[in-house]
Amino acid sequence: MAYRSFEELEVWKRVCKLAVSVYRVLRDSREYGLRDQMNRAAVSVPSNIAEGAERNSHKEYTQFLHIAKGSLAELRTQLYIAEKAGILADSETKPLVSETKELSSMLQGLITSLQKPLL
């Protein structure tokens, strides 16, 4: 069964939860530049999934999913930097990094499914 709305996609639901988690873990950080960049990257992921889903073609949708994947990689890199800089603890970054990897795989699966020819 095809989905009717991006809100039904499990990957969209999970990236929204990830964005909220990033906001929460960084809420008290005084490292404003990195905090703001990480928050923007986290919010960019579900936003690009939603925007792509509302486009009129699989090609455009796929393009936005690739952008979302890129934002996940950006966020993962920033999580590593925040940990190395002592802004976040390993216990905070490890589950978030793991989630970015899983979500990236889910997005790749969605991209692959959109690139398959319709029978």
PDB file of N, CA and C in Angstrom:
ATOM      1  N   MET A   1       0.839  -1.171   0.000  1.00  0.00           N
ATOM      2  CA  MET A   1       0.000   0.000   0.000  1.00  0.00           C
ATOM      3  C   MET A   1       0.895   1.249   0.000  1.00  0.00           C
ATOM      4  N   ALA A   2       0.627   2.178  -0.866  1.00  0.00           N
ATOM      5  CA  ALA A   2       1.383   3.416  -0.941  1.00  0.00           C
ATOM      6  C   ALA A   2       0.948   4.351   0.186  1.00  0.00           C
ATOM      7  N   TYR A   3       1.869   5.186   0.613  1.00  0.00           N
ATOM      8  CA  TYR A   3       1.506   6.138   1.653  1.00  0.00           C
ATOM      9  C   TYR A   3       0.781   7.329   1.040  1.00  0.00           C
ATOM     10  N   ARG A   4      -0.015   8.001   1.845  1.00  0.00           N
ATOM     11  CA  ARG A   4      -0.795   9.144   1.370  1.00  0.00           C
ATOM     12  C   ARG A   4      -0.155  10.475   1.764  1.00  0.00           C
ATOM     13  N   SER A   5       0.677  10.464   2.792  1.00  0.00           N
ATOM     14  CA  SER A   5       1.243  11.704   3.298  1.00  0.00           C
ATOM     15  C   SER A   5       2.591  11.415   3.961  1.00  0.00           C
ATOM     16  N   PHE A   6       3.488  12.379   3.899  1.00  0.00           N
ATOM     17  CA  PHE A   6       4.800  12.189   4.516  1.00  0.00           C
ATOM     18  C   PHE A   6       4.682  11.908   6.009  1.00  0.00           C
ATOM     19  N   GLU A   7       3.609  12.393   6.662  1.00  0.00           N
ATOM     20  CA  GLU A   7       3.432  12.149   8.090  1.00  0.00           C
ATOM     21  C   GLU A   7       3.263  10.666   8.412  1.00  0.00           C
ATOM     22  N   GLU A   8       2.945   9.871   7.430  1.00  0.00           N
ATOM     23  CA  GLU A   8       2.790   8.427   7.627  1.00  0.00           C
ATOM     24  C   GLU A   8       4.120   7.680   7.537  1.00  0.00           C
ATOM     25  N   LEU A   9       5.154   8.326   7.023  1.00  0.00           N
ATOM     26  CA  LEU A   9       6.444   7.658   6.855  1.00  0.00           C
ATOM     27  C   LEU A   9       7.149   7.482   8.197  1.00  0.00           C
ATOM     28  N   GLU A  10       7.547   6.262   8.491  1.00  0.00           N
ATOM     29  CA  GLU A  10       8.259   5.977   9.736  1.00  0.00           C
ATOM     30  C   GLU A  10       9.560   6.772   9.812  1.00  0.00           C
ATOM     31  N   VAL A  11      10.258   6.904   8.706  1.00  0.00           N
ATOM     32  CA  VAL A  11      11.517   7.644   8.716  1.00  0.00           C
ATOM     33  C   VAL A  11      11.275   9.106   9.070  1.00  0.00           C
ATOM     34  N   TRP A  12      10.202   9.697   8.589  1.00  0.00           N
ATOM     35  CA  TRP A  12       9.892  11.095   8.922  1.00  0.00           C
ATOM     36  C   TRP A  12       9.588  11.234  10.412  1.00  0.00           C
ATOM     37  N   LYS A  13       8.814  10.296  10.958  1.00  0.00           N
ATOM     38  CA  LYS A  13       8.492  10.328  12.387  1.00  0.00           C
ATOM     39  C   LYS A  13       9.765  10.246  13.237  1.00  0.00           C
ATOM     40  N   ARG A  14      10.670   9.369  12.827  1.00  0.00           N
ATOM     41  CA  ARG A  14      11.900   9.177  13.599  1.00  0.00           C
ATOM     42  C   ARG A  14      12.853  10.367  13.483  1.00  0.00           C
ATOM     43  N   VAL A  15      12.942  10.990  12.315  1.00  0.00           N
ATOM     44  CA  VAL A  15      13.831  12.153  12.210  1.00  0.00           C
ATOM     45  C   VAL A  15      13.262  13.343  12.981  1.00  0.00           C
ATOM     46  N   CYS A  16      11.947  13.426  13.081  1.00  0.00           N
ATOM     47  CA  CYS A  16      11.348  14.467  13.935  1.00  0.00           C
ATOM     48  C   CYS A  16      11.742  14.238  15.393  1.00  0.00           C
ATOM     49  N   LYS A  17      11.692  12.985  15.842  1.00  0.00           N
ATOM     50  CA  LYS A  17      12.104  12.666  17.214  1.00  0.00           C
ATOM     51  C   LYS A  17      13.584  12.969  17.420  1.00  0.00           C
ATOM     52  N   LEU A  18      14.398  12.678  16.402  1.00  0.00           N
ATOM     53  CA  LEU A  18      15.823  12.976  16.485  1.00  0.00           C
ATOM     54  C   LEU A  18      16.042  14.475  16.645  1.00  0.00           C
ATOM     55  N   ALA A  19      15.337  15.276  15.874  1.00  0.00           N
ATOM     56  CA  ALA A  19      15.477  16.732  15.966  1.00  0.00           C
ATOM     57  C   ALA A  19      15.138  17.224  17.373  1.00  0.00           C
ATOM     58  N   VAL A  20      14.080  16.693  17.945  1.00  0.00           N
ATOM     59  CA  VAL A  20      13.696  17.076  19.310  1.00  0.00           C
ATOM     60  C   VAL A  20      14.793  16.648  20.296  1.00  0.00           C
ATOM     61  N   SER A  21      15.345  15.470  20.101  1.00  0.00           N
ATOM     62  CA  SER A  21      16.422  14.990  20.984  1.00  0.00           C
ATOM     63  C   SER A  21      17.644  15.898  20.914  1.00  0.00           C
ATOM     64  N   VAL A  22      17.987  16.326  19.712  1.00  0.00           N
ATOM     65  CA  VAL A  22      19.137  17.229  19.547  1.00  0.00           C
ATOM     66  C   VAL A  22      18.867  18.545  20.268  1.00  0.00           C
ATOM     67  N   TYR A  23      17.684  19.097  20.078  1.00  0.00           N
ATOM     68  CA  TYR A  23      17.326  20.337  20.786  1.00  0.00           C
ATOM     69  C   TYR A  23      17.457  20.154  22.295  1.00  0.00           C
ATOM     70  N   ARG A  24      16.968  19.043  22.804  1.00  0.00           N
ATOM     71  CA  ARG A  24      16.991  18.815  24.251  1.00  0.00           C
ATOM     72  C   ARG A  24      18.408  18.653  24.796  1.00  0.00           C
ATOM     73  N   VAL A  25      19.228  17.894  24.092  1.00  0.00           N
ATOM     74  CA  VAL A  25      20.576  17.640  24.599  1.00  0.00           C
ATOM     75  C   VAL A  25      21.442  18.897  24.550  1.00  0.00           C
ATOM     76  N   LEU A  26      21.104  19.800  23.654  1.00  0.00           N
ATOM     77  CA  LEU A  26      21.884  21.035  23.514  1.00  0.00           C
ATOM     78  C   LEU A  26      21.250  22.250  24.195  1.00  0.00           C
ATOM     79  N   ARG A  27      20.119  22.052  24.799  1.00  0.00           N
ATOM     80  CA  ARG A  27      19.341  23.156  25.377  1.00  0.00           C
ATOM     81  C   ARG A  27      20.168  24.095  26.257  1.00  0.00           C
ATOM     82  N   ASP A  28      21.029  23.555  27.090  1.00  0.00           N
ATOM     83  CA  ASP A  28      21.790  24.372  28.032  1.00  0.00           C
ATOM     84  C   ASP A  28      23.205  24.701  27.544  1.00  0.00           C
ATOM     85  N   SER A  29      23.533  24.299  26.333  1.00  0.00           N
ATOM     86  CA  SER A  29      24.879  24.559  25.816  1.00  0.00           C
ATOM     87  C   SER A  29      25.085  26.047  25.555  1.00  0.00           C
ATOM     88  N   ARG A  30      26.261  26.528  25.952  1.00  0.00           N
ATOM     89  CA  ARG A  30      26.627  27.922  25.681  1.00  0.00           C
ATOM     90  C   ARG A  30      27.462  28.033  24.414  1.00  0.00           C
ATOM     91  N   GLU A  31      27.655  26.932  23.742  1.00  0.00           N
ATOM     92  CA  GLU A  31      28.380  26.917  22.466  1.00  0.00           C
ATOM     93  C   GLU A  31      27.369  27.227  21.364  1.00  0.00           C
ATOM     94  N   TYR A  32      26.990  28.485  21.298  1.00  0.00           N
ATOM     95  CA  TYR A  32      25.861  28.909  20.470  1.00  0.00           C
ATOM     96  C   TYR A  32      26.041  28.600  18.989  1.00  0.00           C
ATOM     97  N   GLY A  33      27.217  28.803  18.445  1.00  0.00           N
ATOM     98  CA  GLY A  33      27.427  28.561  17.017  1.00  0.00           C
ATOM     99  C   GLY A  33      27.192  27.114  16.646  1.00  0.00           C
ATOM    100  N   LEU A  34      27.867  26.205  17.347  1.00  0.00           N
ATOM    101  CA  LEU A  34      27.712  24.781  17.054  1.00  0.00           C
ATOM    102  C   LEU A  34      26.302  24.313  17.400  1.00  0.00           C
ATOM    103  N   ARG A  35      25.777  24.770  18.519  1.00  0.00           N
ATOM    104  CA  ARG A  35      24.413  24.387  18.915  1.00  0.00           C
ATOM    105  C   ARG A  35      23.407  24.772  17.838  1.00  0.00           C
ATOM    106  N   ASP A  36      23.502  26.009  17.359  1.00  0.00           N
ATOM    107  CA  ASP A  36      22.548  26.467  16.344  1.00  0.00           C
ATOM    108  C   ASP A  36      22.720  25.713  15.037  1.00  0.00           C
ATOM    109  N   GLN A  37      23.954  25.447  14.655  1.00  0.00           N
ATOM    110  CA  GLN A  37      24.206  24.696  13.411  1.00  0.00           C
ATOM    111  C   GLN A  37      23.656  23.275  13.516  1.00  0.00           C
ATOM    112  N   MET A  38      23.838  22.650  14.672  1.00  0.00           N
ATOM    113  CA  MET A  38      23.330  21.285  14.864  1.00  0.00           C
ATOM    114  C   MET A  38      21.806  21.269  14.858  1.00  0.00           C
ATOM    115  N   ASN A  39      21.205  22.260  15.500  1.00  0.00           N
ATOM    116  CA  ASN A  39      19.740  22.335  15.492  1.00  0.00           C
ATOM    117  C   ASN A  39      19.208  22.537  14.085  1.00  0.00           C
ATOM    118  N   ARG A  40      19.871  23.397  13.305  1.00  0.00           N
ATOM    119  CA  ARG A  40      19.432  23.623  11.921  1.00  0.00           C
ATOM    120  C   ARG A  40      19.559  22.353  11.082  1.00  0.00           C
ATOM    121  N   ALA A  41      20.669  21.645  11.243  1.00  0.00           N
ATOM    122  CA  ALA A  41      20.862  20.402  10.493  1.00  0.00           C
ATOM    123  C   ALA A  41      19.790  19.376  10.874  1.00  0.00           C
ATOM    124  N   ALA A  42      19.507  19.264  12.169  1.00  0.00           N
ATOM    125  CA  ALA A  42      18.515  18.291  12.638  1.00  0.00           C
ATOM    126  C   ALA A  42      17.122  18.604  12.101  1.00  0.00           C
ATOM    127  N   VAL A  43      16.757  19.879  12.082  1.00  0.00           N
ATOM    128  CA  VAL A  43      15.436  20.281  11.591  1.00  0.00           C
ATOM    129  C   VAL A  43      15.359  20.167  10.066  1.00  0.00           C
ATOM    130  N   SER A  44      16.486  20.326   9.419  1.00  0.00           N
ATOM    131  CA  SER A  44      16.526  20.249   7.956  1.00  0.00           C
ATOM    132  C   SER A  44      16.111  18.870   7.437  1.00  0.00           C
ATOM    133  N   VAL A  45      16.417  17.833   8.178  1.00  0.00           N
ATOM    134  CA  VAL A  45      16.153  16.470   7.696  1.00  0.00           C
ATOM    135  C   VAL A  45      14.653  16.222   7.502  1.00  0.00           C
ATOM    136  N   PRO A  46      13.818  16.340   8.537  1.00  0.00           N
ATOM    137  CA  PRO A  46      12.391  16.098   8.300  1.00  0.00           C
ATOM    138  C   PRO A  46      11.768  17.139   7.372  1.00  0.00           C
ATOM    139  N   SER A  47      12.302  18.352   7.406  1.00  0.00           N
ATOM    140  CA  SER A  47      11.775  19.407   6.533  1.00  0.00           C
ATOM    141  C   SER A  47      11.985  19.063   5.061  1.00  0.00           C
ATOM    142  N   ASN A  48      13.158  18.529   4.734  1.00  0.00           N
ATOM    143  CA  ASN A  48      13.426  18.162   3.343  1.00  0.00           C
ATOM    144  C   ASN A  48      12.631  16.933   2.908  1.00  0.00           C
ATOM    145  N   ILE A  49      12.420  16.002   3.819  1.00  0.00           N
ATOM    146  CA  ILE A  49      11.565  14.851   3.484  1.00  0.00           C
ATOM    147  C   ILE A  49      10.165  15.344   3.160  1.00  0.00           C
ATOM    148  N   ALA A  50       9.639  16.233   3.993  1.00  0.00           N
ATOM    149  CA  ALA A  50       8.287  16.759   3.786  1.00  0.00           C
ATOM    150  C   ALA A  50       8.198  17.555   2.489  1.00  0.00           C
ATOM    151  N   GLU A  51       9.167  18.438   2.265  1.00  0.00           N
ATOM    152  CA  GLU A  51       9.127  19.248   1.056  1.00  0.00           C
ATOM    153  C   GLU A  51       9.217  18.386  -0.199  1.00  0.00           C
ATOM    154  N   GLY A  52      10.102  17.417  -0.178  1.00  0.00           N
ATOM    155  CA  GLY A  52      10.233  16.524  -1.335  1.00  0.00           C
ATOM    156  C   GLY A  52       8.980  15.717  -1.594  1.00  0.00           C
ATOM    157  N   ALA A  53       8.330  15.272  -0.527  1.00  0.00           N
ATOM    158  CA  ALA A  53       7.111  14.471  -0.679  1.00  0.00           C
ATOM    159  C   ALA A  53       5.989  15.265  -1.331  1.00  0.00           C
ATOM    160  N   GLU A  54       6.019  16.562  -1.155  1.00  0.00           N
ATOM    161  CA  GLU A  54       4.970  17.409  -1.718  1.00  0.00           C
ATOM    162  C   GLU A  54       5.287  17.877  -3.138  1.00  0.00           C
ATOM    163  N   ARG A  55       6.423  17.476  -3.670  1.00  0.00           N
ATOM    164  CA  ARG A  55       6.783  17.832  -5.046  1.00  0.00           C
ATOM    165  C   ARG A  55       6.018  16.958  -6.025  1.00  0.00           C
ATOM    166  N   ASN A  56       6.088  17.320  -7.280  1.00  0.00           N
ATOM    167  CA  ASN A  56       5.271  16.648  -8.289  1.00  0.00           C
ATOM    168  C   ASN A  56       5.960  15.507  -9.015  1.00  0.00           C
ATOM    169  N   SER A  57       7.157  15.140  -8.614  1.00  0.00           N
ATOM    170  CA  SER A  57       7.830  14.057  -9.333  1.00  0.00           C
ATOM    171  C   SER A  57       8.728  13.258  -8.399  1.00  0.00           C
ATOM    172  N   HIS A  58       8.945  12.003  -8.791  1.00  0.00           N
ATOM    173  CA  HIS A  58       9.869  11.155  -8.041  1.00  0.00           C
ATOM    174  C   HIS A  58      11.279  11.732  -8.092  1.00  0.00           C
ATOM    175  N   LYS A  59      11.638  12.326  -9.223  1.00  0.00           N
ATOM    176  CA  LYS A  59      12.977  12.896  -9.377  1.00  0.00           C
ATOM    177  C   LYS A  59      13.209  14.003  -8.348  1.00  0.00           C
ATOM    178  N   GLU A  60      12.264  14.911  -8.200  1.00  0.00           N
ATOM    179  CA  GLU A  60      12.403  15.991  -7.220  1.00  0.00           C
ATOM    180  C   GLU A  60      12.395  15.440  -5.796  1.00  0.00           C
ATOM    181  N   TYR A  61      11.503  14.497  -5.537  1.00  0.00           N
ATOM    182  CA  TYR A  61      11.421  13.885  -4.210  1.00  0.00           C
ATOM    183  C   TYR A  61      12.763  13.253  -3.857  1.00  0.00           C
ATOM    184  N   THR A  62      13.323  12.513  -4.800  1.00  0.00           N
ATOM    185  CA  THR A  62      14.612  11.863  -4.583  1.00  0.00           C
ATOM    186  C   THR A  62      15.700  12.887  -4.288  1.00  0.00           C
ATOM    187  N   GLN A  63      15.676  13.985  -5.005  1.00  0.00           N
ATOM    188  CA  GLN A  63      16.662  15.050  -4.775  1.00  0.00           C
ATOM    189  C   GLN A  63      16.574  15.561  -3.333  1.00  0.00           C
ATOM    190  N   PHE A  64      15.374  15.782  -2.832  1.00  0.00           N
ATOM    191  CA  PHE A  64      15.209  16.263  -1.460  1.00  0.00           C
ATOM    192  C   PHE A  64      15.597  15.199  -0.441  1.00  0.00           C
ATOM    193  N   LEU A  65      15.386  13.936  -0.767  1.00  0.00           N
ATOM    194  CA  LEU A  65      15.813  12.866   0.144  1.00  0.00           C
ATOM    195  C   LEU A  65      17.333  12.806   0.227  1.00  0.00           C
ATOM    196  N   HIS A  66      17.999  13.053  -0.905  1.00  0.00           N
ATOM    197  CA  HIS A  66      19.466  13.118  -0.877  1.00  0.00           C
ATOM    198  C   HIS A  66      19.946  14.285  -0.017  1.00  0.00           C
ATOM    199  N   ILE A  67      19.260  15.404  -0.094  1.00  0.00           N
ATOM    200  CA  ILE A  67      19.599  16.555   0.743  1.00  0.00           C
ATOM    201  C   ILE A  67      19.403  16.199   2.218  1.00  0.00           C
ATOM    202  N   ALA A  68      18.315  15.503   2.528  1.00  0.00           N
ATOM    203  CA  ALA A  68      18.056  15.068   3.907  1.00  0.00           C
ATOM    204  C   ALA A  68      19.175  14.144   4.393  1.00  0.00           C
ATOM    205  N   LYS A  69      19.621  13.222   3.535  1.00  0.00           N
ATOM    206  CA  LYS A  69      20.729  12.335   3.900  1.00  0.00           C
ATOM    207  C   LYS A  69      21.991  13.132   4.177  1.00  0.00           C
ATOM    208  N   GLY A  70      22.231  14.150   3.360  1.00  0.00           N
ATOM    209  CA  GLY A  70      23.394  15.002   3.565  1.00  0.00           C
ATOM    210  C   GLY A  70      23.326  15.730   4.897  1.00  0.00           C
ATOM    211  N   SER A  71      22.143  16.196   5.248  1.00  0.00           N
ATOM    212  CA  SER A  71      21.972  16.879   6.542  1.00  0.00           C
ATOM    213  C   SER A  71      22.193  15.923   7.705  1.00  0.00           C
ATOM    214  N   LEU A  72      21.812  14.663   7.539  1.00  0.00           N
ATOM    215  CA  LEU A  72      22.080  13.669   8.585  1.00  0.00           C
ATOM    216  C   LEU A  72      23.584  13.462   8.755  1.00  0.00           C
ATOM    217  N   ALA A  73      24.308  13.401   7.637  1.00  0.00           N
ATOM    218  CA  ALA A  73      25.765  13.247   7.708  1.00  0.00           C
ATOM    219  C   ALA A  73      26.397  14.481   8.364  1.00  0.00           C
ATOM    220  N   GLU A  74      25.879  15.653   8.031  1.00  0.00           N
ATOM    221  CA  GLU A  74      26.349  16.896   8.650  1.00  0.00           C
ATOM    222  C   GLU A  74      26.129  16.849  10.158  1.00  0.00           C
ATOM    223  N   LEU A  75      24.937  16.444  10.579  1.00  0.00           N
ATOM    224  CA  LEU A  75      24.631  16.350  12.000  1.00  0.00           C
ATOM    225  C   LEU A  75      25.526  15.329  12.691  1.00  0.00           C
ATOM    226  N   ARG A  76      25.744  14.191  12.060  1.00  0.00           N
ATOM    227  CA  ARG A  76      26.591  13.158  12.662  1.00  0.00           C
ATOM    228  C   ARG A  76      28.013  13.699  12.870  1.00  0.00           C
ATOM    229  N   THR A  77      28.525  14.423  11.867  1.00  0.00           N
ATOM    230  CA  THR A  77      29.850  15.022  11.988  1.00  0.00           C
ATOM    231  C   THR A  77      29.890  16.007  13.149  1.00  0.00           C
ATOM    232  N   GLN A  78      28.871  16.821  13.279  1.00  0.00           N
ATOM    233  CA  GLN A  78      28.806  17.811  14.354  1.00  0.00           C
ATOM    234  C   GLN A  78      28.705  17.139  15.717  1.00  0.00           C
ATOM    235  N   LEU A  79      28.021  15.996  15.786  1.00  0.00           N
ATOM    236  CA  LEU A  79      27.962  15.252  17.040  1.00  0.00           C
ATOM    237  C   LEU A  79      29.359  14.766  17.442  1.00  0.00           C
ATOM    238  N   TYR A  80      30.119  14.252  16.472  1.00  0.00           N
ATOM    239  CA  TYR A  80      31.488  13.826  16.760  1.00  0.00           C
ATOM    240  C   TYR A  80      32.323  15.001  17.256  1.00  0.00           C
ATOM    241  N   ILE A  81      32.187  16.153  16.606  1.00  0.00           N
ATOM    242  CA  ILE A  81      32.943  17.344  17.004  1.00  0.00           C
ATOM    243  C   ILE A  81      32.544  17.791  18.407  1.00  0.00           C
ATOM    244  N   ALA A  82      31.246  17.818  18.678  1.00  0.00           N
ATOM    245  CA  ALA A  82      30.764  18.231  20.000  1.00  0.00           C
ATOM    246  C   ALA A  82      31.303  17.312  21.093  1.00  0.00           C
ATOM    247  N   GLU A  83      31.393  16.029  20.797  1.00  0.00           N
ATOM    248  CA  GLU A  83      31.937  15.096  21.783  1.00  0.00           C
ATOM    249  C   GLU A  83      33.431  15.337  21.987  1.00  0.00           C
ATOM    250  N   LYS A  84      34.169  15.451  20.892  1.00  0.00           N
ATOM    251  CA  LYS A  84      35.626  15.660  20.996  1.00  0.00           C
ATOM    252  C   LYS A  84      35.959  16.983  21.687  1.00  0.00           C
ATOM    253  N   ALA A  85      35.108  17.982  21.512  1.00  0.00           N
ATOM    254  CA  ALA A  85      35.329  19.289  22.127  1.00  0.00           C
ATOM    255  C   ALA A  85      34.847  19.339  23.580  1.00  0.00           C
ATOM    256  N   GLY A  86      34.258  18.253  24.068  1.00  0.00           N
ATOM    257  CA  GLY A  86      33.789  18.206  25.442  1.00  0.00           C
ATOM    258  C   GLY A  86      32.457  18.900  25.669  1.00  0.00           C
ATOM    259  N   ILE A  87      31.744  19.197  24.597  1.00  0.00           N
ATOM    260  CA  ILE A  87      30.435  19.847  24.701  1.00  0.00           C
ATOM    261  C   ILE A  87      29.358  18.828  25.054  1.00  0.00           C
ATOM    262  N   LEU A  88      29.488  17.637  24.493  1.00  0.00           N
ATOM    263  CA  LEU A  88      28.563  16.537  24.780  1.00  0.00           C
ATOM    264  C   LEU A  88      29.362  15.334  25.264  1.00  0.00           C
ATOM    265  N   ALA A  89      28.743  14.563  26.127  1.00  0.00           N
ATOM    266  CA  ALA A  89      29.363  13.333  26.627  1.00  0.00           C
ATOM    267  C   ALA A  89      29.122  12.193  25.637  1.00  0.00           C
ATOM    268  N   ASP A  90      29.985  11.200  25.717  1.00  0.00           N
ATOM    269  CA  ASP A  90      29.847  10.009  24.879  1.00  0.00           C
ATOM    270  C   ASP A  90      28.459   9.383  25.045  1.00  0.00           C
ATOM    271  N   SER A  91      27.952   9.390  26.259  1.00  0.00           N
ATOM    272  CA  SER A  91      26.633   8.797  26.531  1.00  0.00           C
ATOM    273  C   SER A  91      25.513   9.568  25.838  1.00  0.00           C
ATOM    274  N   GLU A  92      25.755  10.829  25.514  1.00  0.00           N
ATOM    275  CA  GLU A  92      24.763  11.632  24.794  1.00  0.00           C
ATOM    276  C   GLU A  92      24.908  11.460  23.285  1.00  0.00           C
ATOM    277  N   THR A  93      26.140  11.380  22.816  1.00  0.00           N
ATOM    278  CA  THR A  93      26.354  11.319  21.365  1.00  0.00           C
ATOM    279  C   THR A  93      26.122   9.929  20.781  1.00  0.00           C
ATOM    280  N   LYS A  94      26.512   8.907  21.513  1.00  0.00           N
ATOM    281  CA  LYS A  94      26.453   7.539  20.966  1.00  0.00           C
ATOM    282  C   LYS A  94      25.059   7.161  20.445  1.00  0.00           C
ATOM    283  N   PRO A  95      23.990   7.342  21.231  1.00  0.00           N
ATOM    284  CA  PRO A  95      22.670   6.958  20.699  1.00  0.00           C
ATOM    285  C   PRO A  95      22.228   7.852  19.537  1.00  0.00           C
ATOM    286  N   LEU A  96      22.622   9.116  19.553  1.00  0.00           N
ATOM    287  CA  LEU A  96      22.243  10.014  18.460  1.00  0.00           C
ATOM    288  C   LEU A  96      22.987   9.653  17.181  1.00  0.00           C
ATOM    289  N   VAL A  97      24.257   9.334  17.304  1.00  0.00           N
ATOM    290  CA  VAL A  97      25.039   8.908  16.137  1.00  0.00           C
ATOM    291  C   VAL A  97      24.448   7.619  15.556  1.00  0.00           C
ATOM    292  N   SER A  98      24.128   6.684  16.428  1.00  0.00           N
ATOM    293  CA  SER A  98      23.527   5.424  15.988  1.00  0.00           C
ATOM    294  C   SER A  98      22.223   5.675  15.232  1.00  0.00           C
ATOM    295  N   GLU A  99      21.413   6.568  15.752  1.00  0.00           N
ATOM    296  CA  GLU A  99      20.134   6.877  15.106  1.00  0.00           C
ATOM    297  C   GLU A  99      20.358   7.536  13.743  1.00  0.00           C
ATOM    298  N   THR A 100      21.355   8.423  13.629  1.00  0.00           N
ATOM    299  CA  THR A 100      21.607   9.042  12.316  1.00  0.00           C
ATOM    300  C   THR A 100      22.002   7.990  11.290  1.00  0.00           C
ATOM    301  N   LYS A 101      22.754   6.991  11.711  1.00  0.00           N
ATOM    302  CA  LYS A 101      23.163   5.925  10.784  1.00  0.00           C
ATOM    303  C   LYS A 101      21.959   5.098  10.334  1.00  0.00           C
ATOM    304  N   GLU A 102      21.098   4.735  11.274  1.00  0.00           N
ATOM    305  CA  GLU A 102      19.901   3.965  10.924  1.00  0.00           C
ATOM    306  C   GLU A 102      18.978   4.760  10.003  1.00  0.00           C
ATOM    307  N   LEU A 103      18.804   6.023  10.315  1.00  0.00           N
ATOM    308  CA  LEU A 103      17.918   6.866   9.505  1.00  0.00           C
ATOM    309  C   LEU A 103      18.480   7.080   8.111  1.00  0.00           C
ATOM    310  N   SER A 104      19.778   7.187   7.996  1.00  0.00           N
ATOM    311  CA  SER A 104      20.401   7.317   6.680  1.00  0.00           C
ATOM    312  C   SER A 104      20.130   6.079   5.832  1.00  0.00           C
ATOM    313  N   SER A 105      20.206   4.924   6.454  1.00  0.00           N
ATOM    314  CA  SER A 105      19.893   3.671   5.745  1.00  0.00           C
ATOM    315  C   SER A 105      18.428   3.630   5.321  1.00  0.00           C
ATOM    316  N   MET A 106      17.556   4.095   6.197  1.00  0.00           N
ATOM    317  CA  MET A 106      16.133   4.131   5.854  1.00  0.00           C
ATOM    318  C   MET A 106      15.876   5.076   4.682  1.00  0.00           C
ATOM    319  N   LEU A 107      16.531   6.229   4.701  1.00  0.00           N
ATOM    320  CA  LEU A 107      16.370   7.167   3.592  1.00  0.00           C
ATOM    321  C   LEU A 107      16.899   6.571   2.292  1.00  0.00           C
ATOM    322  N   GLN A 108      18.020   5.861   2.375  1.00  0.00           N
ATOM    323  CA  GLN A 108      18.548   5.220   1.168  1.00  0.00           C
ATOM    324  C   GLN A 108      17.562   4.189   0.628  1.00  0.00           C
ATOM    325  N   GLY A 109      16.920   3.461   1.496  1.00  0.00           N
ATOM    326  CA  GLY A 109      15.901   2.509   1.057  1.00  0.00           C
ATOM    327  C   GLY A 109      14.746   3.198   0.363  1.00  0.00           C
ATOM    328  N   LEU A 110      14.320   4.324   0.886  1.00  0.00           N
ATOM    329  CA  LEU A 110      13.239   5.086   0.259  1.00  0.00           C
ATOM    330  C   LEU A 110      13.684   5.626  -1.097  1.00  0.00           C
ATOM    331  N   ILE A 111      14.907   6.126  -1.170  1.00  0.00           N
ATOM    332  CA  ILE A 111      15.449   6.614  -2.446  1.00  0.00           C
ATOM    333  C   ILE A 111      15.466   5.487  -3.469  1.00  0.00           C
ATOM    334  N   THR A 112      15.951   4.336  -3.060  1.00  0.00           N
ATOM    335  CA  THR A 112      16.030   3.183  -3.964  1.00  0.00           C
ATOM    336  C   THR A 112      14.646   2.783  -4.454  1.00  0.00           C
ATOM    337  N   SER A 113      13.671   2.797  -3.561  1.00  0.00           N
ATOM    338  CA  SER A 113      12.308   2.412  -3.962  1.00  0.00           C
ATOM    339  C   SER A 113      11.714   3.404  -4.956  1.00  0.00           C
ATOM    340  N   LEU A 114      12.056   4.666  -4.840  1.00  0.00           N
ATOM    341  CA  LEU A 114      11.546   5.675  -5.770  1.00  0.00           C
ATOM    342  C   LEU A 114      12.219   5.582  -7.129  1.00  0.00           C
ATOM    343  N   GLN A 115      13.419   5.027  -7.174  1.00  0.00           N
ATOM    344  CA  GLN A 115      14.147   4.934  -8.426  1.00  0.00           C
ATOM    345  C   GLN A 115      13.788   3.686  -9.225  1.00  0.00           C
ATOM    346  N   LYS A 116      13.056   2.771  -8.623  1.00  0.00           N
ATOM    347  CA  LYS A 116      12.641   1.557  -9.340  1.00  0.00           C
ATOM    348  C   LYS A 116      11.542   1.903 -10.326  1.00  0.00           C
ATOM    349  N   PRO A 117      11.621   1.342 -11.520  1.00  0.00           N
ATOM    350  CA  PRO A 117      10.559   1.613 -12.490  1.00  0.00           C
ATOM    351  C   PRO A 117       9.236   0.989 -12.048  1.00  0.00           C
ATOM    352  N   LEU A 118       8.152   1.688 -12.342  1.00  0.00           N
ATOM    353  CA  LEU A 118       6.825   1.161 -12.023  1.00  0.00           C
ATOM    354  C   LEU A 118       6.466   0.075 -13.014  1.00  0.00           C
ATOM    355  N   LEU A 119       5.863  -0.973 -12.537  1.00  0.00           N
ATOM    356  CA  LEU A 119       5.476  -2.098 -13.415  1.00  0.00           C
ATOM    357  C   LEU A 119       4.141  -1.845 -14.057  1.00  0.00           C
TER     358      LEU A 119
END
